[in-house]
Amino acid sequence: MSFPIVVWILTALAAVAIVLTRLRLASDDAAGQFVISRRLPLTHFVAGLVALVLWVGVLVAPEDSPVGGALVGIVAIACWWVTAICGLLILARWLPSRGRHVPSASGDSWSDGPGLSLLAHLGMVVGVLVFTYAYLTAAV
């Protein structure tokens, strides 16, 4: 499988992770050990959408066009990193803690634990590393 195909597949998976995170955390009773700020999933979603749109533009547009230029590519990679870091911060709601007054972890209909979140957000970090490598080496 060629490297550009891997980048396209990871782009599609990143889009799914962004949308599913938004859907999963839209309600007030999202699963996890702790409640996180409502701004964090919003930042994850907005930065992810901006990154996705700019990244697809970089992948599709010719290099001599404004969308395929270096500035748009750098902004897209930066937005991908913001999205990945927000995703890792979203994972913090699953961190175990001990103590007498610590609330128990709540579940939801998506899964029994943090497995889906771990898969999506750690996968997003790996995807962003691949995107960064692909962009820096001009492989796409």
N, C-alpha and C. Protein backbone atom coordinates (compact mmCIF):
# COMPACT_ATOMS: atom_id res chain seq x y z
N MET A 1 0.85 -1.17 0.00
CA MET A 1 0.00 0.00 0.00
C MET A 1 0.90 1.23 0.00
N SER A 2 0.60 2.18 -0.86
CA SER A 2 1.44 3.37 -0.97
C SER A 2 1.16 4.35 0.17
N PHE A 3 2.14 5.17 0.45
CA PHE A 3 2.04 6.11 1.56
C PHE A 3 0.90 7.12 1.39
N PRO A 4 0.66 7.68 0.19
CA PRO A 4 -0.48 8.60 0.04
C PRO A 4 -1.83 7.94 0.36
N ILE A 5 -1.97 6.67 0.07
CA ILE A 5 -3.22 5.97 0.40
C ILE A 5 -3.37 5.85 1.91
N VAL A 6 -2.27 5.58 2.61
CA VAL A 6 -2.30 5.52 4.07
C VAL A 6 -2.72 6.88 4.64
N VAL A 7 -2.19 7.96 4.07
CA VAL A 7 -2.54 9.31 4.54
C VAL A 7 -4.03 9.57 4.32
N TRP A 8 -4.57 9.17 3.20
CA TRP A 8 -6.00 9.37 2.94
C TRP A 8 -6.87 8.55 3.90
N ILE A 9 -6.46 7.32 4.16
CA ILE A 9 -7.22 6.48 5.10
C ILE A 9 -7.18 7.09 6.50
N LEU A 10 -6.01 7.55 6.93
CA LEU A 10 -5.90 8.18 8.25
C LEU A 10 -6.68 9.49 8.31
N THR A 11 -6.77 10.19 7.19
CA THR A 11 -7.59 11.42 7.14
C THR A 11 -9.05 11.08 7.36
N ALA A 12 -9.52 10.04 6.71
CA ALA A 12 -10.92 9.62 6.89
C ALA A 12 -11.17 9.16 8.33
N LEU A 13 -10.25 8.41 8.90
CA LEU A 13 -10.41 7.97 10.29
C LEU A 13 -10.37 9.14 11.27
N ALA A 14 -9.55 10.14 10.99
CA ALA A 14 -9.51 11.33 11.83
C ALA A 14 -10.84 12.08 11.78
N ALA A 15 -11.44 12.15 10.60
CA ALA A 15 -12.75 12.80 10.48
C ALA A 15 -13.80 12.05 11.30
N VAL A 16 -13.75 10.74 11.25
CA VAL A 16 -14.70 9.94 12.05
C VAL A 16 -14.48 10.18 13.54
N ALA A 17 -13.22 10.23 13.98
CA ALA A 17 -12.92 10.45 15.40
C ALA A 17 -13.41 11.82 15.86
N ILE A 18 -13.25 12.83 15.02
CA ILE A 18 -13.69 14.18 15.37
C ILE A 18 -15.20 14.22 15.53
N VAL A 19 -15.92 13.66 14.58
CA VAL A 19 -17.38 13.69 14.62
C VAL A 19 -17.92 12.83 15.76
N LEU A 20 -17.38 11.63 15.95
CA LEU A 20 -17.87 10.76 17.02
C LEU A 20 -17.59 11.32 18.41
N THR A 21 -16.45 11.99 18.56
CA THR A 21 -16.17 12.63 19.85
C THR A 21 -17.19 13.72 20.13
N ARG A 22 -17.53 14.48 19.12
CA ARG A 22 -18.54 15.54 19.29
C ARG A 22 -19.89 14.93 19.66
N LEU A 23 -20.27 13.86 18.99
CA LEU A 23 -21.56 13.22 19.30
C LEU A 23 -21.55 12.59 20.68
N ARG A 24 -20.44 11.97 21.05
CA ARG A 24 -20.37 11.28 22.33
C ARG A 24 -20.38 12.25 23.50
N LEU A 25 -19.76 13.40 23.34
CA LEU A 25 -19.66 14.35 24.44
C LEU A 25 -20.68 15.48 24.36
N ALA A 26 -21.67 15.34 23.49
CA ALA A 26 -22.67 16.40 23.34
C ALA A 26 -23.59 16.51 24.55
N SER A 27 -23.84 15.40 25.23
CA SER A 27 -24.75 15.45 26.37
C SER A 27 -23.99 15.75 27.65
N ASP A 28 -24.71 16.14 28.66
CA ASP A 28 -24.11 16.48 29.95
C ASP A 28 -23.66 15.25 30.72
N ASP A 29 -24.21 14.09 30.40
CA ASP A 29 -23.90 12.88 31.15
C ASP A 29 -22.94 11.96 30.37
N ALA A 30 -21.89 12.55 29.80
CA ALA A 30 -20.91 11.77 29.06
C ALA A 30 -20.16 10.85 30.02
N ALA A 31 -19.73 9.73 29.48
CA ALA A 31 -19.05 8.72 30.31
C ALA A 31 -17.70 9.23 30.78
N GLY A 32 -17.26 8.65 31.89
CA GLY A 32 -15.94 8.98 32.40
C GLY A 32 -15.93 9.10 33.90
N GLN A 33 -14.74 9.25 34.44
CA GLN A 33 -14.56 9.41 35.88
C GLN A 33 -14.85 10.84 36.31
N PHE A 34 -14.50 11.81 35.46
CA PHE A 34 -14.64 13.22 35.80
C PHE A 34 -15.43 13.95 34.73
N VAL A 35 -15.95 15.09 35.08
CA VAL A 35 -16.61 15.97 34.13
C VAL A 35 -15.56 16.94 33.61
N ILE A 36 -15.54 17.13 32.30
CA ILE A 36 -14.57 18.05 31.71
C ILE A 36 -15.29 19.30 31.23
N SER A 37 -14.54 20.33 30.99
CA SER A 37 -15.10 21.59 30.52
C SER A 37 -15.79 21.38 29.17
N ARG A 38 -16.86 22.10 28.93
CA ARG A 38 -17.56 21.98 27.65
C ARG A 38 -16.76 22.65 26.53
N ARG A 39 -15.81 23.49 26.89
CA ARG A 39 -15.00 24.16 25.88
C ARG A 39 -13.99 23.21 25.23
N LEU A 40 -13.55 22.23 25.97
CA LEU A 40 -12.55 21.31 25.44
C LEU A 40 -13.07 20.49 24.25
N PRO A 41 -14.24 19.84 24.36
CA PRO A 41 -14.75 19.15 23.17
C PRO A 41 -15.09 20.11 22.02
N LEU A 42 -15.51 21.33 22.36
CA LEU A 42 -15.80 22.31 21.31
C LEU A 42 -14.52 22.71 20.58
N THR A 43 -13.46 22.94 21.33
CA THR A 43 -12.16 23.26 20.72
C THR A 43 -11.67 22.09 19.88
N HIS A 44 -11.84 20.88 20.39
CA HIS A 44 -11.47 19.66 19.65
C HIS A 44 -12.22 19.60 18.32
N PHE A 45 -13.50 19.88 18.35
CA PHE A 45 -14.34 19.79 17.15
C PHE A 45 -13.99 20.89 16.14
N VAL A 46 -13.89 22.13 16.60
CA VAL A 46 -13.62 23.25 15.69
C VAL A 46 -12.23 23.13 15.09
N ALA A 47 -11.23 22.87 15.93
CA ALA A 47 -9.86 22.71 15.40
C ALA A 47 -9.79 21.51 14.46
N GLY A 48 -10.52 20.45 14.78
CA GLY A 48 -10.54 19.28 13.91
C GLY A 48 -11.17 19.55 12.56
N LEU A 49 -12.27 20.30 12.56
CA LEU A 49 -12.91 20.64 11.29
C LEU A 49 -12.02 21.54 10.44
N VAL A 50 -11.42 22.54 11.07
CA VAL A 50 -10.52 23.43 10.34
C VAL A 50 -9.34 22.63 9.79
N ALA A 51 -8.77 21.77 10.62
CA ALA A 51 -7.65 20.93 10.17
C ALA A 51 -8.06 20.04 9.02
N LEU A 52 -9.22 19.43 9.13
CA LEU A 52 -9.69 18.52 8.08
C LEU A 52 -9.88 19.24 6.75
N VAL A 53 -10.55 20.39 6.79
CA VAL A 53 -10.79 21.14 5.55
C VAL A 53 -9.48 21.61 4.93
N LEU A 54 -8.60 22.18 5.75
CA LEU A 54 -7.32 22.66 5.22
C LEU A 54 -6.46 21.50 4.73
N TRP A 55 -6.45 20.39 5.46
CA TRP A 55 -5.63 19.24 5.09
C TRP A 55 -6.09 18.63 3.77
N VAL A 56 -7.39 18.49 3.61
CA VAL A 56 -7.90 17.96 2.33
C VAL A 56 -7.54 18.92 1.20
N GLY A 57 -7.61 20.22 1.48
CA GLY A 57 -7.19 21.20 0.48
C GLY A 57 -5.73 21.04 0.11
N VAL A 58 -4.89 20.82 1.10
CA VAL A 58 -3.46 20.62 0.83
C VAL A 58 -3.24 19.34 0.02
N LEU A 59 -3.99 18.30 0.33
CA LEU A 59 -3.82 17.03 -0.38
C LEU A 59 -4.30 17.10 -1.83
N VAL A 60 -5.35 17.88 -2.06
CA VAL A 60 -5.98 17.90 -3.38
C VAL A 60 -5.42 18.99 -4.28
N ALA A 61 -5.15 20.17 -3.74
CA ALA A 61 -4.76 21.33 -4.55
C ALA A 61 -3.31 21.21 -5.03
N PRO A 62 -3.04 21.78 -6.18
CA PRO A 62 -1.65 21.82 -6.65
C PRO A 62 -0.79 22.70 -5.74
N GLU A 63 0.51 22.43 -5.72
CA GLU A 63 1.40 23.15 -4.82
C GLU A 63 1.50 24.64 -5.14
N ASP A 64 1.28 25.03 -6.39
CA ASP A 64 1.42 26.44 -6.75
C ASP A 64 0.13 27.24 -6.50
N SER A 65 -0.91 26.59 -6.02
CA SER A 65 -2.15 27.31 -5.69
C SER A 65 -2.09 27.81 -4.25
N PRO A 66 -2.92 28.80 -3.89
CA PRO A 66 -2.90 29.30 -2.51
C PRO A 66 -3.28 28.23 -1.48
N VAL A 67 -4.21 27.35 -1.82
CA VAL A 67 -4.63 26.31 -0.88
C VAL A 67 -3.56 25.25 -0.72
N GLY A 68 -2.80 24.98 -1.74
CA GLY A 68 -1.76 23.97 -1.67
C GLY A 68 -0.43 24.51 -1.20
N GLY A 69 -0.40 25.78 -0.80
CA GLY A 69 0.84 26.42 -0.40
C GLY A 69 1.32 26.01 0.98
N ALA A 70 2.50 26.51 1.32
CA ALA A 70 3.14 26.14 2.58
C ALA A 70 2.38 26.67 3.79
N LEU A 71 1.85 27.88 3.72
CA LEU A 71 1.17 28.47 4.87
C LEU A 71 -0.06 27.65 5.26
N VAL A 72 -0.85 27.26 4.29
CA VAL A 72 -2.05 26.46 4.57
C VAL A 72 -1.66 25.10 5.14
N GLY A 73 -0.61 24.51 4.62
CA GLY A 73 -0.15 23.23 5.14
C GLY A 73 0.32 23.32 6.59
N ILE A 74 1.04 24.38 6.91
CA ILE A 74 1.52 24.56 8.28
C ILE A 74 0.35 24.81 9.23
N VAL A 75 -0.62 25.61 8.80
CA VAL A 75 -1.80 25.85 9.64
C VAL A 75 -2.60 24.56 9.83
N ALA A 76 -2.71 23.76 8.77
CA ALA A 76 -3.43 22.48 8.88
C ALA A 76 -2.75 21.55 9.87
N ILE A 77 -1.44 21.44 9.79
CA ILE A 77 -0.70 20.58 10.73
C ILE A 77 -0.84 21.11 12.15
N ALA A 78 -0.77 22.43 12.32
CA ALA A 78 -0.93 23.01 13.65
C ALA A 78 -2.32 22.71 14.22
N CYS A 79 -3.34 22.81 13.38
CA CYS A 79 -4.71 22.50 13.83
C CYS A 79 -4.85 21.01 14.16
N TRP A 80 -4.17 20.16 13.39
CA TRP A 80 -4.19 18.73 13.73
C TRP A 80 -3.58 18.50 15.11
N TRP A 81 -2.48 19.20 15.41
CA TRP A 81 -1.85 19.03 16.71
C TRP A 81 -2.74 19.54 17.84
N VAL A 82 -3.43 20.66 17.61
CA VAL A 82 -4.37 21.17 18.63
C VAL A 82 -5.47 20.14 18.85
N THR A 83 -5.97 19.56 17.79
CA THR A 83 -7.02 18.54 17.90
C THR A 83 -6.53 17.32 18.68
N ALA A 84 -5.33 16.87 18.36
CA ALA A 84 -4.78 15.69 19.05
C ALA A 84 -4.54 15.97 20.53
N ILE A 85 -4.02 17.14 20.85
CA ILE A 85 -3.77 17.47 22.25
C ILE A 85 -5.08 17.60 23.01
N CYS A 86 -6.08 18.22 22.40
CA CYS A 86 -7.40 18.28 23.04
C CYS A 86 -7.97 16.88 23.24
N GLY A 87 -7.75 15.99 22.29
CA GLY A 87 -8.21 14.62 22.43
C GLY A 87 -7.55 13.92 23.60
N LEU A 88 -6.26 14.15 23.78
CA LEU A 88 -5.57 13.55 24.92
C LEU A 88 -6.09 14.14 26.24
N LEU A 89 -6.40 15.42 26.23
CA LEU A 89 -6.98 16.03 27.43
C LEU A 89 -8.38 15.49 27.71
N ILE A 90 -9.11 15.18 26.65
CA ILE A 90 -10.43 14.57 26.83
C ILE A 90 -10.29 13.19 27.48
N LEU A 91 -9.21 12.49 27.16
CA LEU A 91 -8.96 11.19 27.78
C LEU A 91 -8.74 11.30 29.29
N ALA A 92 -8.38 12.48 29.75
CA ALA A 92 -8.12 12.66 31.18
C ALA A 92 -9.35 12.38 32.03
N ARG A 93 -10.53 12.43 31.44
CA ARG A 93 -11.74 12.15 32.22
C ARG A 93 -11.82 10.69 32.66
N TRP A 94 -10.97 9.84 32.08
CA TRP A 94 -10.95 8.42 32.44
C TRP A 94 -9.85 8.07 33.42
N LEU A 95 -9.01 9.04 33.80
CA LEU A 95 -7.91 8.74 34.71
C LEU A 95 -8.46 8.23 36.04
N PRO A 96 -7.90 7.15 36.54
CA PRO A 96 -8.38 6.64 37.83
C PRO A 96 -7.89 7.52 38.97
N SER A 97 -8.69 7.56 39.99
CA SER A 97 -8.27 8.30 41.19
C SER A 97 -8.79 7.56 42.40
N ARG A 98 -8.14 7.82 43.51
CA ARG A 98 -8.51 7.15 44.75
C ARG A 98 -8.94 8.20 45.75
N GLY A 99 -9.75 7.78 46.65
CA GLY A 99 -10.18 8.68 47.71
C GLY A 99 -11.60 8.38 48.12
N ARG A 100 -11.95 8.87 49.25
CA ARG A 100 -13.27 8.60 49.79
C ARG A 100 -14.38 9.33 49.04
N HIS A 101 -14.10 10.51 48.53
CA HIS A 101 -15.14 11.33 47.92
C HIS A 101 -15.07 11.37 46.40
N VAL A 102 -14.32 10.44 45.81
CA VAL A 102 -14.19 10.39 44.36
C VAL A 102 -15.44 9.73 43.78
N PRO A 103 -16.07 10.36 42.79
CA PRO A 103 -17.24 9.73 42.18
C PRO A 103 -16.85 8.51 41.37
N SER A 104 -17.76 7.58 41.25
CA SER A 104 -17.47 6.40 40.43
C SER A 104 -17.61 6.77 38.96
N ALA A 105 -16.93 6.01 38.12
CA ALA A 105 -16.97 6.28 36.69
C ALA A 105 -18.36 5.99 36.15
N SER A 106 -18.84 6.88 35.30
CA SER A 106 -20.14 6.67 34.68
C SER A 106 -19.94 6.09 33.29
N GLY A 107 -20.88 5.31 32.86
CA GLY A 107 -20.82 4.70 31.54
C GLY A 107 -21.83 5.32 30.60
N ASP A 108 -21.80 4.87 29.38
CA ASP A 108 -22.80 5.31 28.41
C ASP A 108 -23.07 4.15 27.46
N SER A 109 -23.88 4.39 26.47
CA SER A 109 -24.28 3.31 25.56
C SER A 109 -23.22 3.02 24.50
N TRP A 110 -22.15 3.80 24.43
CA TRP A 110 -21.14 3.61 23.40
C TRP A 110 -20.20 2.46 23.72
N SER A 111 -19.80 2.36 24.97
CA SER A 111 -18.88 1.29 25.36
C SER A 111 -18.89 1.19 26.88
N ASP A 112 -18.24 0.16 27.39
CA ASP A 112 -18.20 -0.05 28.84
C ASP A 112 -17.07 0.69 29.53
N GLY A 113 -16.20 1.28 28.81
CA GLY A 113 -15.08 1.96 29.42
C GLY A 113 -14.39 2.88 28.45
N PRO A 114 -13.13 3.15 28.71
CA PRO A 114 -12.40 4.12 27.88
C PRO A 114 -11.84 3.55 26.58
N GLY A 115 -12.16 2.32 26.24
CA GLY A 115 -11.57 1.68 25.06
C GLY A 115 -11.76 2.45 23.77
N LEU A 116 -12.97 2.90 23.51
CA LEU A 116 -13.25 3.63 22.28
C LEU A 116 -12.52 4.97 22.26
N SER A 117 -12.50 5.66 23.40
CA SER A 117 -11.78 6.93 23.48
C SER A 117 -10.28 6.73 23.32
N LEU A 118 -9.74 5.70 23.93
CA LEU A 118 -8.31 5.41 23.79
C LEU A 118 -7.95 5.12 22.34
N LEU A 119 -8.74 4.29 21.70
CA LEU A 119 -8.49 3.94 20.30
C LEU A 119 -8.53 5.19 19.42
N ALA A 120 -9.54 6.00 19.59
CA ALA A 120 -9.71 7.18 18.74
C ALA A 120 -8.61 8.22 18.97
N HIS A 121 -8.34 8.54 20.23
CA HIS A 121 -7.45 9.66 20.49
C HIS A 121 -5.97 9.28 20.42
N LEU A 122 -5.61 8.08 20.81
CA LEU A 122 -4.23 7.66 20.59
C LEU A 122 -3.99 7.41 19.10
N GLY A 123 -5.00 6.92 18.42
CA GLY A 123 -4.91 6.79 16.96
C GLY A 123 -4.78 8.13 16.28
N MET A 124 -5.45 9.15 16.84
CA MET A 124 -5.35 10.50 16.29
C MET A 124 -3.92 11.03 16.44
N VAL A 125 -3.29 10.77 17.56
CA VAL A 125 -1.91 11.22 17.76
C VAL A 125 -0.99 10.53 16.75
N VAL A 126 -1.17 9.24 16.55
CA VAL A 126 -0.37 8.53 15.55
C VAL A 126 -0.64 9.08 14.16
N GLY A 127 -1.91 9.34 13.85
CA GLY A 127 -2.26 9.92 12.56
C GLY A 127 -1.62 11.28 12.34
N VAL A 128 -1.62 12.11 13.36
CA VAL A 128 -1.02 13.44 13.25
C VAL A 128 0.50 13.33 13.07
N LEU A 129 1.11 12.37 13.73
CA LEU A 129 2.54 12.14 13.50
C LEU A 129 2.80 11.75 12.04
N VAL A 130 1.94 10.90 11.49
CA VAL A 130 2.07 10.50 10.08
C VAL A 130 1.83 11.70 9.17
N PHE A 131 0.80 12.52 9.48
CA PHE A 131 0.53 13.72 8.67
C PHE A 131 1.73 14.67 8.70
N THR A 132 2.31 14.86 9.87
CA THR A 132 3.45 15.75 10.00
C THR A 132 4.64 15.23 9.19
N TYR A 133 4.90 13.95 9.31
CA TYR A 133 5.98 13.34 8.53
C TYR A 133 5.71 13.46 7.04
N ALA A 134 4.47 13.18 6.64
CA ALA A 134 4.12 13.25 5.22
C ALA A 134 4.28 14.66 4.68
N TYR A 135 3.91 15.64 5.48
CA TYR A 135 4.02 17.02 5.02
C TYR A 135 5.48 17.48 4.98
N LEU A 136 6.25 17.15 6.02
CA LEU A 136 7.64 17.60 6.08
C LEU A 136 8.51 16.95 5.00
N THR A 137 8.19 15.72 4.64
CA THR A 137 8.98 15.04 3.61
C THR A 137 8.39 15.20 2.21
N ALA A 138 7.29 15.93 2.11
CA ALA A 138 6.61 16.15 0.83
C ALA A 138 6.20 14.84 0.18
N ALA A 139 5.77 13.88 1.01
CA ALA A 139 5.37 12.58 0.49
C ALA A 139 3.96 12.62 -0.10
N VAL A 140 3.22 13.65 0.23
CA VAL A 140 1.86 13.80 -0.32
C VAL A 140 1.72 15.12 -1.02
